[in-house]
Protein backbone atom coordinates (compact mmCIF):
# COMPACT_ATOMS: atom_id res chain seq x y z
CA UNK A 1 14.47 51.98 0.20
CA UNK A 2 13.83 48.48 -0.98
CA UNK A 3 11.10 48.43 -3.62
CA UNK A 4 8.97 45.41 -4.34
CA UNK A 5 7.37 45.14 -7.75
CA UNK A 6 4.28 43.23 -8.79
CA UNK A 7 4.18 40.96 -11.83
CA UNK A 8 1.00 39.90 -13.60
CA UNK A 9 1.81 36.37 -14.71
CA UNK A 10 0.99 35.10 -18.19
CA UNK A 11 -1.72 32.42 -18.00
CA UNK A 12 -2.66 34.31 -21.39
CA UNK A 13 -2.82 59.27 -32.46
CA UNK A 14 -5.01 61.46 -30.84
CA UNK A 15 -5.54 64.46 -33.13
CA UNK A 16 -5.50 67.93 -31.66
CA UNK A 17 -8.70 69.92 -31.51
CA UNK A 18 -10.23 72.89 -29.75
CA UNK A 19 -9.79 72.25 -26.03
CA UNK A 20 -12.51 72.88 -23.54
CA UNK A 21 -12.11 75.96 -21.36
CA UNK A 22 -10.56 75.62 -17.95
CA UNK A 23 -14.06 75.51 -16.44
CA UNK A 24 -13.12 77.94 -13.70
CA UNK A 25 -14.38 79.85 -11.89
CA UNK A 26 -17.95 79.27 -13.13
CA UNK A 27 -19.55 77.09 -15.78
CA UNK A 28 -23.25 77.17 -16.47
CA UNK A 29 -25.66 75.63 -18.94
CA UNK A 30 -24.59 73.80 -22.08
CA UNK A 31 -21.24 74.11 -23.77
CA UNK A 32 -21.20 73.32 -27.49
CA UNK A 33 -17.87 71.78 -28.49
CA UNK A 34 -18.21 72.45 -32.23
CA UNK A 35 -17.80 68.80 -33.22
CA UNK A 36 -14.79 68.44 -30.98
CA UNK A 37 -14.32 66.70 -27.67
CA UNK A 38 -11.47 66.87 -25.21
CA UNK A 39 -8.92 64.43 -26.61
CA UNK A 40 -10.12 63.77 -30.16
CA UNK A 41 -12.08 64.81 -33.18
CA UNK A 42 -15.73 63.86 -33.55
CA UNK A 43 -17.26 62.34 -36.66
CA UNK A 44 -20.59 60.65 -37.13
CA UNK A 45 -18.82 57.30 -37.11
CA UNK A 46 -17.14 58.03 -33.79
CA UNK A 47 -20.05 59.47 -31.79
CA UNK A 48 -20.08 56.43 -29.51
CA UNK A 49 -16.34 56.68 -28.97
CA UNK A 50 -16.68 60.39 -28.28
CA UNK A 51 -19.18 59.62 -25.55
CA UNK A 52 -16.53 57.58 -23.83
CA UNK A 53 -14.11 60.50 -23.86
CA UNK A 54 -13.74 62.79 -20.88
CA UNK A 55 -15.15 66.24 -21.52
CA UNK A 56 -13.48 68.08 -18.64
CA UNK A 57 -10.02 69.35 -17.83
CA UNK A 58 -8.07 67.87 -14.98
CA UNK A 59 -9.20 68.76 -11.49
CA UNK A 60 -12.47 70.58 -12.07
CA UNK A 61 -15.07 70.36 -9.34
CA UNK A 62 -17.89 70.93 -11.79
CA UNK A 63 -19.45 67.57 -12.54
CA UNK A 64 -20.26 66.51 -16.07
CA UNK A 65 -23.91 65.70 -15.46
CA UNK A 66 -24.54 64.21 -18.86
CA UNK A 67 -23.10 63.89 -22.32
CA UNK A 68 -25.86 64.39 -24.87
CA UNK A 69 -25.86 63.34 -28.51
CA UNK A 70 -28.67 64.87 -30.52
CA UNK A 71 -28.93 65.22 -34.28
CA UNK A 72 -25.24 64.58 -34.75
CA UNK A 73 -24.12 67.28 -32.32
CA UNK A 74 -22.49 66.91 -28.93
CA UNK A 75 -23.42 68.91 -25.87
CA UNK A 76 -21.63 68.68 -22.56
CA UNK A 77 -24.17 69.53 -19.89
CA UNK A 78 -22.28 70.75 -16.85
CA UNK A 79 -23.58 71.37 -13.37
CA UNK A 80 -24.18 75.02 -12.50
CA UNK A 81 -22.68 74.41 -9.08
CA UNK A 82 -19.60 72.56 -7.89
CA UNK A 83 -20.14 68.97 -6.84
CA UNK A 84 -21.37 68.61 -3.27
CA UNK A 85 -18.35 66.46 -2.53
CA UNK A 86 -14.98 68.17 -2.27
CA UNK A 87 -13.55 65.44 -4.52
CA UNK A 88 -12.87 66.64 -8.08
CA UNK A 89 -14.39 64.68 -10.94
CA UNK A 90 -10.88 63.74 -12.09
CA UNK A 91 -8.35 62.90 -9.38
CA UNK A 92 -5.94 60.64 -11.26
CA UNK A 93 -4.82 60.53 -14.90
CA UNK A 94 -3.88 57.17 -16.42
CA UNK A 95 -1.91 57.39 -19.66
CA UNK A 96 -2.13 54.40 -21.98
CA UNK A 97 1.08 54.79 -24.00
CA UNK A 98 0.69 52.65 -27.11
CA UNK A 99 4.32 53.42 -27.87
CA UNK A 100 3.88 53.55 -31.65
CA UNK A 101 7.52 54.38 -32.37
CA UNK A 102 9.31 52.72 -29.45
CA UNK A 103 10.69 54.53 -26.41
CA UNK A 104 13.70 54.55 -24.11
CA UNK A 105 13.05 54.50 -20.35
CA UNK A 106 15.67 56.20 -18.19
CA UNK A 107 16.10 57.92 -14.82
CA UNK A 108 13.28 56.00 -13.10
CA UNK A 109 13.08 53.35 -10.38
CA UNK A 110 13.35 50.68 -13.10
CA UNK A 111 16.75 51.84 -14.30
CA UNK A 112 19.06 50.26 -11.72
CA UNK A 113 21.05 48.79 -14.66
CA UNK A 114 20.74 51.88 -16.87
CA UNK A 115 18.35 52.93 -19.65
CA UNK A 116 16.49 50.34 -21.72
CA UNK A 117 14.49 50.42 -24.92
CA UNK A 118 10.81 49.41 -25.24
CA UNK A 119 9.94 48.29 -28.79
CA UNK A 120 6.61 49.29 -30.31
CA UNK A 121 3.83 46.69 -29.90
CA UNK A 122 2.67 47.47 -33.46
CA UNK A 123 -1.02 47.56 -32.61
CA UNK A 124 -3.58 48.59 -35.21
CA UNK A 125 -5.95 51.54 -34.77
CA UNK A 126 -8.90 49.22 -34.15
CA UNK A 127 -6.92 47.21 -31.58
CA UNK A 128 -5.92 50.36 -29.73
CA UNK A 129 -9.51 51.63 -29.77
CA UNK A 130 -10.80 48.38 -28.25
CA UNK A 131 -8.12 48.35 -25.55
CA UNK A 132 -8.63 51.99 -24.59
CA UNK A 133 -12.42 51.67 -24.37
CA UNK A 134 -12.14 48.52 -22.29
CA UNK A 135 -9.85 50.25 -19.77
CA UNK A 136 -12.18 53.26 -19.60
CA UNK A 137 -15.04 50.92 -18.79
CA UNK A 138 -13.15 49.26 -15.93
CA UNK A 139 -12.36 52.65 -14.34
CA UNK A 140 -15.68 54.31 -15.27
CA UNK A 141 -17.04 54.67 -11.74
CA UNK A 142 -13.96 56.38 -10.37
CA UNK A 143 -12.53 59.88 -10.65
CA UNK A 144 -10.04 58.63 -13.21
CA UNK A 145 -9.23 60.01 -16.65
CA UNK A 146 -7.92 57.28 -18.98
CA UNK A 147 -6.24 58.94 -21.95
CA UNK A 148 -3.67 58.60 -24.72
CA UNK A 149 -2.98 62.35 -24.71
CA UNK A 150 0.43 63.06 -23.18
CA UNK A 151 -0.33 66.77 -22.82
CA UNK A 152 -3.33 65.94 -20.63
CA UNK A 153 -1.18 63.50 -18.65
CA UNK A 154 1.59 66.03 -18.06
CA UNK A 155 -0.84 68.64 -16.69
CA UNK A 156 -1.62 66.38 -13.74
CA UNK A 157 0.67 66.44 -10.65
CA UNK A 158 3.38 63.79 -10.75
CA UNK A 159 1.87 61.91 -7.81
CA UNK A 160 -1.56 61.88 -9.47
CA UNK A 161 -0.62 60.30 -12.77
CA UNK A 162 0.57 56.92 -14.02
CA UNK A 163 1.85 55.94 -17.46
CA UNK A 164 1.62 52.39 -18.80
CA UNK A 165 3.94 51.58 -21.71
CA UNK A 166 2.58 48.88 -24.00
CA UNK A 167 5.50 47.01 -25.53
CA UNK A 168 6.91 43.59 -26.50
CA UNK A 169 10.12 41.53 -26.74
CA UNK A 170 11.40 42.66 -23.35
CA UNK A 171 12.86 39.34 -22.18
CA UNK A 172 16.32 40.85 -21.78
CA UNK A 173 15.00 43.27 -19.15
CA UNK A 174 12.01 41.58 -17.48
CA UNK A 175 11.04 38.00 -16.65
CA UNK A 176 8.16 36.64 -18.77
CA UNK A 177 4.87 38.12 -17.61
CA UNK A 178 1.76 39.86 -18.85
CA UNK A 179 2.76 43.09 -17.13
CA UNK A 180 4.70 44.61 -14.28
CA UNK A 181 4.34 47.52 -11.84
CA UNK A 182 5.64 48.72 -8.49
CA UNK A 183 2.74 48.71 -5.99
CA UNK A 184 1.95 52.31 -5.09
CA UNK A 185 4.51 53.74 -7.50
CA UNK A 186 2.24 56.66 -8.41
CA UNK A 187 2.91 58.16 -4.96
CA UNK A 188 6.65 58.35 -5.57
CA UNK A 189 6.30 61.00 -8.26
CA UNK A 190 9.42 59.83 -10.09
CA UNK A 191 7.62 59.17 -13.40
CA UNK A 192 8.25 55.42 -13.24
CA UNK A 193 5.87 53.78 -15.74
CA UNK A 194 4.31 50.36 -15.53
CA UNK A 195 4.53 47.96 -18.48
CA UNK A 196 2.39 45.46 -20.38
CA UNK A 197 3.88 42.97 -22.83
CA UNK A 198 1.68 42.06 -25.79
CA UNK A 199 3.77 39.10 -26.98
CA UNK A 200 3.50 37.35 -23.60
CA UNK A 201 -0.27 37.90 -23.80
CA UNK A 202 -0.35 36.31 -27.27
CA UNK A 203 -1.57 39.66 -28.67
CA UNK A 204 -5.08 39.00 -27.33
CA UNK A 205 -6.53 42.52 -27.18
CA UNK A 206 -8.98 41.84 -24.32
CA UNK A 207 -6.19 40.32 -22.26
CA UNK A 208 -3.94 43.29 -23.07
CA UNK A 209 -6.62 45.66 -21.80
CA UNK A 210 -7.16 43.64 -18.62
CA UNK A 211 -3.40 43.55 -17.98
CA UNK A 212 -3.12 47.34 -18.36
CA UNK A 213 -6.00 47.87 -15.91
CA UNK A 214 -4.41 45.39 -13.48
CA UNK A 215 -1.04 47.15 -13.54
CA UNK A 216 -2.68 50.56 -13.23
CA UNK A 217 -4.45 49.16 -10.17
CA UNK A 218 -1.15 48.16 -8.59
CA UNK A 219 0.63 51.39 -9.50
CA UNK A 220 -2.18 53.47 -7.99
CA UNK A 221 -2.21 51.61 -4.68
CA UNK A 222 -3.93 48.20 -4.90
CA UNK A 223 -0.85 46.44 -3.62
CA UNK A 224 -2.12 42.87 -3.41
CA UNK A 225 -3.67 40.41 -5.81
CA UNK A 226 -7.06 38.83 -5.25
CA UNK A 227 -6.20 35.23 -4.33
CA UNK A 228 -7.93 31.92 -3.63
CA UNK A 229 -7.44 29.82 -0.49
CA UNK A 230 -8.44 26.32 0.56
CA UNK A 231 -10.77 25.68 3.49
CA UNK A 232 -7.76 25.04 5.76
CA UNK A 233 -6.39 28.52 4.99
CA UNK A 234 -3.57 27.44 2.69
CA UNK A 235 -3.03 29.27 -0.59
CA UNK A 236 -4.65 27.60 -3.58
CA UNK A 237 -3.65 30.11 -6.26
CA UNK A 238 -2.16 33.59 -6.09
CA UNK A 239 -4.51 34.80 -8.81
CA UNK A 240 -8.22 34.39 -8.18
CA UNK A 241 -9.81 33.07 -11.41
CA UNK A 242 -13.19 34.55 -10.46
CA UNK A 243 -16.63 32.99 -10.77
CA UNK A 244 -16.75 31.06 -14.02
CA UNK A 245 -18.72 28.27 -15.62
CA UNK A 246 -22.14 29.95 -15.61
CA UNK A 247 -23.94 31.86 -18.36
CA UNK A 248 -21.66 34.87 -17.77
CA UNK A 249 -18.11 34.54 -16.44
CA UNK A 250 -16.94 37.21 -13.98
CA UNK A 251 -13.28 37.74 -13.10
CA UNK A 252 -11.39 40.13 -10.79
CA UNK A 253 -9.33 43.00 -12.21
CA UNK A 254 -6.73 42.38 -9.51
CA UNK A 255 -6.77 38.62 -10.04
CA UNK A 256 -6.79 36.62 -13.26
CA UNK A 257 -8.86 38.90 -15.48
CA UNK A 258 -8.24 37.16 -18.78
CA UNK A 259 -10.92 35.42 -20.82
CA UNK A 260 -14.46 35.98 -22.02
CA UNK A 261 -16.92 37.78 -19.74
CA UNK A 262 -16.94 40.62 -17.23
CA UNK A 263 -13.78 41.77 -15.47
CA UNK A 264 -14.52 43.92 -12.44
CA UNK A 265 -13.38 45.00 -8.98
CA UNK A 266 -13.57 42.45 -6.17
CA UNK A 267 -14.06 41.86 -2.46
CA UNK A 268 -12.03 38.86 -1.36
CA UNK A 269 -8.99 37.31 0.30
CA UNK A 270 -5.74 38.84 -0.84
CA UNK A 271 -2.27 37.50 -1.50
CA UNK A 272 -1.25 39.04 1.85
CA UNK A 273 -2.90 36.13 3.70
CA UNK A 274 -6.04 34.11 4.32
CA UNK A 275 -7.36 36.52 6.94
CA UNK A 276 -6.63 39.67 4.89
CA UNK A 277 -9.73 40.81 2.99
CA UNK A 278 -9.09 43.27 0.18
CA UNK A 279 -12.00 45.43 -0.94
CA UNK A 280 -10.84 46.82 -4.27
CA UNK A 281 -13.77 49.22 -4.29
CA UNK A 282 -12.74 50.86 -1.01
CA UNK A 283 -9.10 51.03 -2.03
CA UNK A 284 -9.88 52.46 -5.45
CA UNK A 285 -12.60 54.78 -4.18
CA UNK A 286 -10.31 56.12 -1.48
CA UNK A 287 -7.57 56.81 -3.98
CA UNK A 288 -9.52 57.88 -7.06
CA UNK A 289 -12.77 59.21 -5.60
CA UNK A 290 -16.14 58.23 -7.03
CA UNK A 291 -17.85 60.12 -9.79
CA UNK A 292 -20.86 62.22 -8.78
CA UNK A 293 -24.14 60.39 -9.29
CA UNK A 294 -26.34 61.40 -12.20
CA UNK A 295 -29.15 63.83 -11.37
CA UNK A 296 -32.47 62.09 -10.79
CA UNK A 297 -35.47 62.32 -13.10
CA UNK A 298 -33.70 63.65 -16.16
CA UNK A 299 -36.12 64.07 -19.05
CA UNK A 300 -35.24 62.11 -22.18
CA UNK A 301 -36.52 63.17 -25.59
CA UNK A 302 -36.83 61.09 -28.72
CA UNK A 303 -33.46 60.89 -30.48
CA UNK A 304 -31.45 61.59 -27.33
CA UNK A 305 -28.70 59.38 -25.99
CA UNK A 306 -27.31 59.88 -22.49
CA UNK A 307 -24.20 58.29 -21.05
CA UNK A 308 -24.19 57.40 -17.35
CA UNK A 309 -22.50 55.15 -14.78
CA UNK A 310 -24.32 52.59 -12.64
CA UNK A 311 -23.17 50.47 -9.69
CA UNK A 312 -24.80 47.79 -7.55
CA UNK A 313 -27.52 49.24 -5.27
CA UNK A 314 -27.70 52.35 -7.43
CA UNK A 315 -30.60 53.23 -9.71
CA UNK A 316 -31.03 55.98 -12.31
CA UNK A 317 -34.53 57.15 -13.19
CA UNK A 318 -35.50 58.98 -16.37
CA UNK A 319 -38.71 60.64 -17.48
CA UNK A 320 -40.04 60.18 -21.03
CA UNK A 321 -43.20 61.15 -22.91
CA UNK A 322 -44.42 58.14 -24.90
CA UNK A 323 -46.30 57.84 -28.18
CA UNK A 324 -48.42 54.70 -27.93
CA UNK A 325 -46.78 51.61 -29.41
CA UNK A 326 -44.06 53.70 -31.02
CA UNK A 327 -41.56 55.10 -28.53
CA UNK A 328 -38.78 52.65 -27.74
CA UNK A 329 -35.95 52.38 -25.24
CA UNK A 330 -32.53 50.83 -25.77
CA UNK A 331 -29.79 50.58 -23.14
CA UNK A 332 -26.28 49.52 -24.10
CA UNK A 333 -23.80 48.32 -21.50
CA UNK A 334 -20.18 49.39 -21.59
CA UNK A 335 -19.31 45.71 -21.23
CA UNK A 336 -18.80 45.41 -17.48
CA UNK A 337 -22.39 45.51 -16.25
CA UNK A 338 -25.59 43.60 -16.91
CA UNK A 339 -28.55 45.97 -17.05
CA UNK A 340 -32.30 45.92 -16.58
CA UNK A 341 -34.98 48.57 -17.01
CA UNK A 342 -38.25 48.88 -15.09
CA UNK A 343 -40.95 50.94 -16.81
CA UNK A 344 -43.18 52.76 -14.32
CA UNK A 345 -46.39 54.72 -14.80
CA UNK A 346 -46.89 58.15 -13.12
CA UNK A 347 -48.42 56.45 -10.07
CA UNK A 348 -45.30 54.32 -9.62
CA UNK A 349 -46.90 51.11 -10.86
CA UNK A 350 -44.74 48.67 -12.78
CA UNK A 351 -45.67 48.51 -16.46
CA UNK A 352 -42.92 46.08 -17.50
CA UNK A 353 -39.45 44.87 -16.59
CA UNK A 354 -36.92 44.40 -19.39
CA UNK A 355 -34.16 42.02 -18.33
CA UNK A 356 -32.55 39.55 -20.74
CA UNK A 357 -31.39 36.13 -19.40
CA UNK A 358 -27.77 36.27 -20.61
CA UNK A 359 -27.09 39.50 -22.52
CA UNK A 360 -25.67 42.60 -20.84
CA UNK A 361 -27.78 45.09 -22.82
CA UNK A 362 -31.45 46.04 -22.74
CA UNK A 363 -32.59 45.44 -26.34
CA UNK A 364 -34.72 47.93 -28.26
CA UNK A 365 -38.18 47.61 -26.70
CA UNK A 366 -41.49 49.47 -27.02
CA UNK A 367 -42.08 51.32 -23.74
CA UNK A 368 -45.89 51.19 -23.70
CA UNK A 369 -48.93 50.78 -25.93
CA UNK A 370 -50.52 53.85 -24.31
CA UNK A 371 -49.69 57.54 -24.67
CA UNK A 372 -48.45 59.36 -21.60
CA UNK A 373 -45.55 60.14 -19.31
CA UNK A 374 -43.52 57.19 -18.03
CA UNK A 375 -40.47 56.68 -15.85
CA UNK A 376 -37.56 54.39 -16.73
CA UNK A 377 -35.53 52.97 -13.85
CA UNK A 378 -32.11 51.61 -14.85
CA UNK A 379 -30.39 49.18 -12.47
CA UNK A 380 -27.67 46.54 -12.37
CA UNK A 381 -29.25 43.18 -13.16
CA UNK A 382 -28.06 40.08 -11.35
CA UNK A 383 -30.09 37.67 -13.48
CA UNK A 384 -27.78 34.73 -14.19
CA UNK A 385 -24.85 36.68 -12.76
CA UNK A 386 -22.83 35.06 -9.96
CA UNK A 387 -22.99 36.93 -6.66
CA UNK A 388 -20.28 34.96 -4.87
CA UNK A 389 -19.79 34.76 -1.11
CA UNK A 390 -18.82 37.39 1.46
CA UNK A 391 -15.12 36.57 0.99
CA UNK A 392 -15.17 36.08 -2.78
CA UNK A 393 -17.57 38.36 -4.62
CA UNK A 394 -17.59 40.80 -7.54
CA UNK A 395 -18.43 44.50 -7.24
CA UNK A 396 -20.48 45.31 -10.31
CA UNK A 397 -20.52 48.69 -12.00
CA UNK A 398 -19.83 50.44 -15.28
CA UNK A 399 -21.04 52.69 -18.06
CA UNK A 400 -24.22 52.55 -20.09
CA UNK A 401 -25.89 54.50 -22.89
CA UNK A 402 -29.66 55.00 -22.84
CA UNK A 403 -31.42 55.97 -26.08
CA UNK A 404 -35.04 56.88 -26.83
CA UNK A 405 -36.32 56.19 -30.35
CA UNK A 406 -39.51 56.42 -32.35
């Protein structure tokens, strides 16, 4: 079978810890992880990182309804019933292989000329942390586990996992590019990895992260790039540069995702032709499955932080008891979504809307100057964000962390 591979052109140690139980057949209530999350140790300095880490084993149908940090301890609050959908929370495992010691690739679809060696990219701990968190944000809405843990990766079926080797100095094997993958290679089950080359990305850590996400997208089934065409239908550029030049630049994961700003999934004309519209959201959702939505009207207490995922047209509502002029809200974006919060009184009246002109986060803000129960509605903000046109538009969505303070 002739195999076509996709190239992303250059235009730019997890420690072991107590594993969570298999979560079958029944999980109820809260499960205390004893300062340990699935995939890494927890310290006070890494609470935020821990909240980005998956707290479930591969394939469970019990949704992680929230990840709660309170007084330095972590609780995973799991649904008492399986998700209403038949789709597991985690359908696909993506292994980011930072290749610290170098690796030889053999017996895969890449080895038509024999084995070859992939040198270590020599990334620092902080660089690897940034890259991993960025990739997790891009895939946050899907049933995807992004990990560096090879044991977790190997527990997934071969046709439900993809490995990306991060490397450099591969000019003797591959033509210069930011990364390379076979479209749909995950389905083959032959353990063929995809690759990203840090030297051809000038060691820019954001661009490295975007390239890894792009190649994962190809390997898992997004076969085409998001492209731009002229009015007469001729190809302008194979890689759509996105909507740039405004207060916040927005670029497609499956196009040219490099540069400052948001990189997200897209709805637009693909490299397959002017008349071929590629909806990355439908392709990814069909392959990965979407995460279950957060339960409505969760009650937030002072000192609590909850992690959640939001997408366009979605809204998450929380209940909070306010001390007049004292209780504050803060919402932090994962970096791929601009957020706003509407404060409502018990009758549903709007007390205030918190929506910054250019920032992605909702800054620390007093909820009300009156005591009482209030409701906080979190949504995707489109203030100063480009919406695009029907054939060239971003699909916003990502993680956020909501915190209540006194």
